[in-house]
Amino acid sequence: MGLLALGVQYFTTQALMNEKTSIVGAVGNSAVVFSIAIEIALGHGFPSFLICLGMGMVVWGSYRVSKK
């Protein structure tokens, strides 16, 4: 797990050096959606509506910022 985190950090740093920060942030925030999918797959259930709404707003906001 530590080596995976090291690889993610390395490639995130490379992306930040070569691309606009807003685009890298939007991709990073999409990890929230994948973490929820993993939680559901592990049997922890679906999050509440307010949690889904908040996550959707964060991802949507990041996407809107990256489009400017």
C-alpha atoms as a PDB file:
ATOM      1  CA  MET A   1       0.000   0.000   0.000  1.00  0.00           C
ATOM      2  CA  GLY A   2       2.869   2.345   0.776  1.00  0.00           C
ATOM      3  CA  LEU A   3       4.490   1.776  -2.608  1.00  0.00           C
ATOM      4  CA  LEU A   4       1.172   2.428  -4.316  1.00  0.00           C
ATOM      5  CA  ALA A   5       0.815   5.719  -2.428  1.00  0.00           C
ATOM      6  CA  LEU A   6       4.377   6.633  -3.405  1.00  0.00           C
ATOM      7  CA  GLY A   7       3.581   5.993  -7.070  1.00  0.00           C
ATOM      8  CA  VAL A   8       0.392   8.055  -6.876  1.00  0.00           C
ATOM      9  CA  GLN A   9       2.268  10.936  -5.269  1.00  0.00           C
ATOM     10  CA  TYR A  10       4.991  10.800  -7.915  1.00  0.00           C
ATOM     11  CA  PHE A  11       2.579  10.859 -10.835  1.00  0.00           C
ATOM     12  CA  THR A  12       0.466  13.574  -9.218  1.00  0.00           C
ATOM     13  CA  THR A  13       3.583  15.717  -8.851  1.00  0.00           C
ATOM     14  CA  GLN A  14       4.480  15.095 -12.492  1.00  0.00           C
ATOM     15  CA  ALA A  15       0.957  16.024 -13.573  1.00  0.00           C
ATOM     16  CA  LEU A  16       1.089  19.249 -11.576  1.00  0.00           C
ATOM     17  CA  MET A  17       4.395  20.154 -13.206  1.00  0.00           C
ATOM     18  CA  ASN A  18       3.063  19.588 -16.730  1.00  0.00           C
ATOM     19  CA  GLU A  19      -0.622  20.559 -16.632  1.00  0.00           C
ATOM     20  CA  LYS A  20      -2.922  23.204 -15.213  1.00  0.00           C
ATOM     21  CA  THR A  21      -3.669  22.718 -11.525  1.00  0.00           C
ATOM     22  CA  SER A  22      -7.430  22.849 -12.020  1.00  0.00           C
ATOM     23  CA  ILE A  23      -7.403  19.824 -14.339  1.00  0.00           C
ATOM     24  CA  VAL A  24      -5.265  17.769 -11.969  1.00  0.00           C
ATOM     25  CA  GLY A  25      -7.571  18.766  -9.110  1.00  0.00           C
ATOM     26  CA  ALA A  26     -10.647  17.615 -11.004  1.00  0.00           C
ATOM     27  CA  VAL A  27      -9.093  14.220 -11.631  1.00  0.00           C
ATOM     28  CA  GLY A  28      -8.009  13.999  -7.995  1.00  0.00           C
ATOM     29  CA  ASN A  29     -11.489  14.809  -6.754  1.00  0.00           C
ATOM     30  CA  SER A  30     -12.961  12.077  -8.933  1.00  0.00           C
ATOM     31  CA  ALA A  31     -11.253   9.645  -6.543  1.00  0.00           C
ATOM     32  CA  VAL A  32     -14.144  10.380  -4.175  1.00  0.00           C
ATOM     33  CA  VAL A  33     -16.519   8.627  -6.559  1.00  0.00           C
ATOM     34  CA  PHE A  34     -14.263   5.577  -6.750  1.00  0.00           C
ATOM     35  CA  SER A  35     -13.929   5.390  -2.970  1.00  0.00           C
ATOM     36  CA  ILE A  36     -17.718   5.268  -2.655  1.00  0.00           C
ATOM     37  CA  ALA A  37     -17.843   2.490  -5.251  1.00  0.00           C
ATOM     38  CA  ILE A  38     -15.305   0.515  -3.221  1.00  0.00           C
ATOM     39  CA  GLU A  39     -17.318   1.074  -0.027  1.00  0.00           C
ATOM     40  CA  ILE A  40     -20.436  -0.262  -1.724  1.00  0.00           C
ATOM     41  CA  ALA A  41     -18.527  -3.242  -3.137  1.00  0.00           C
ATOM     42  CA  LEU A  42     -17.217  -4.075   0.341  1.00  0.00           C
ATOM     43  CA  GLY A  43     -20.757  -4.174   1.661  1.00  0.00           C
ATOM     44  CA  HIS A  44     -20.782  -0.987   3.730  1.00  0.00           C
ATOM     45  CA  GLY A  45     -23.924   0.228   2.023  1.00  0.00           C
ATOM     46  CA  PHE A  46     -24.803   3.305   0.037  1.00  0.00           C
ATOM     47  CA  PRO A  47     -24.109   6.734   1.598  1.00  0.00           C
ATOM     48  CA  SER A  48     -26.937   9.100   2.463  1.00  0.00           C
ATOM     49  CA  PHE A  49     -28.411  11.531  -0.026  1.00  0.00           C
ATOM     50  CA  LEU A  50     -26.656  14.547   1.540  1.00  0.00           C
ATOM     51  CA  ILE A  51     -23.269  12.848   1.310  1.00  0.00           C
ATOM     52  CA  CYS A  52     -23.867  11.988  -2.353  1.00  0.00           C
ATOM     53  CA  LEU A  53     -25.045  15.524  -3.045  1.00  0.00           C
ATOM     54  CA  GLY A  54     -21.929  17.008  -1.407  1.00  0.00           C
ATOM     55  CA  MET A  55     -19.583  14.718  -3.292  1.00  0.00           C
ATOM     56  CA  GLY A  56     -21.356  15.493  -6.531  1.00  0.00           C
ATOM     57  CA  MET A  57     -21.016  19.221  -5.919  1.00  0.00           C
ATOM     58  CA  VAL A  58     -17.277  18.903  -5.244  1.00  0.00           C
ATOM     59  CA  VAL A  59     -16.654  16.863  -8.399  1.00  0.00           C
ATOM     60  CA  TRP A  60     -18.936  19.101 -10.495  1.00  0.00           C
ATOM     61  CA  GLY A  61     -17.232  22.259  -9.176  1.00  0.00           C
ATOM     62  CA  SER A  62     -13.812  20.869 -10.010  1.00  0.00           C
ATOM     63  CA  TYR A  63     -14.991  19.995 -13.489  1.00  0.00           C
ATOM     64  CA  ARG A  64     -16.448  23.484 -14.033  1.00  0.00           C
ATOM     65  CA  VAL A  65     -13.220  25.147 -12.883  1.00  0.00           C
ATOM     66  CA  SER A  66     -11.142  22.981 -15.212  1.00  0.00           C
ATOM     67  CA  LYS A  67     -13.287  23.988 -18.205  1.00  0.00           C
ATOM     68  CA  LYS A  68     -12.394  27.707 -17.827  1.00  0.00           C
END
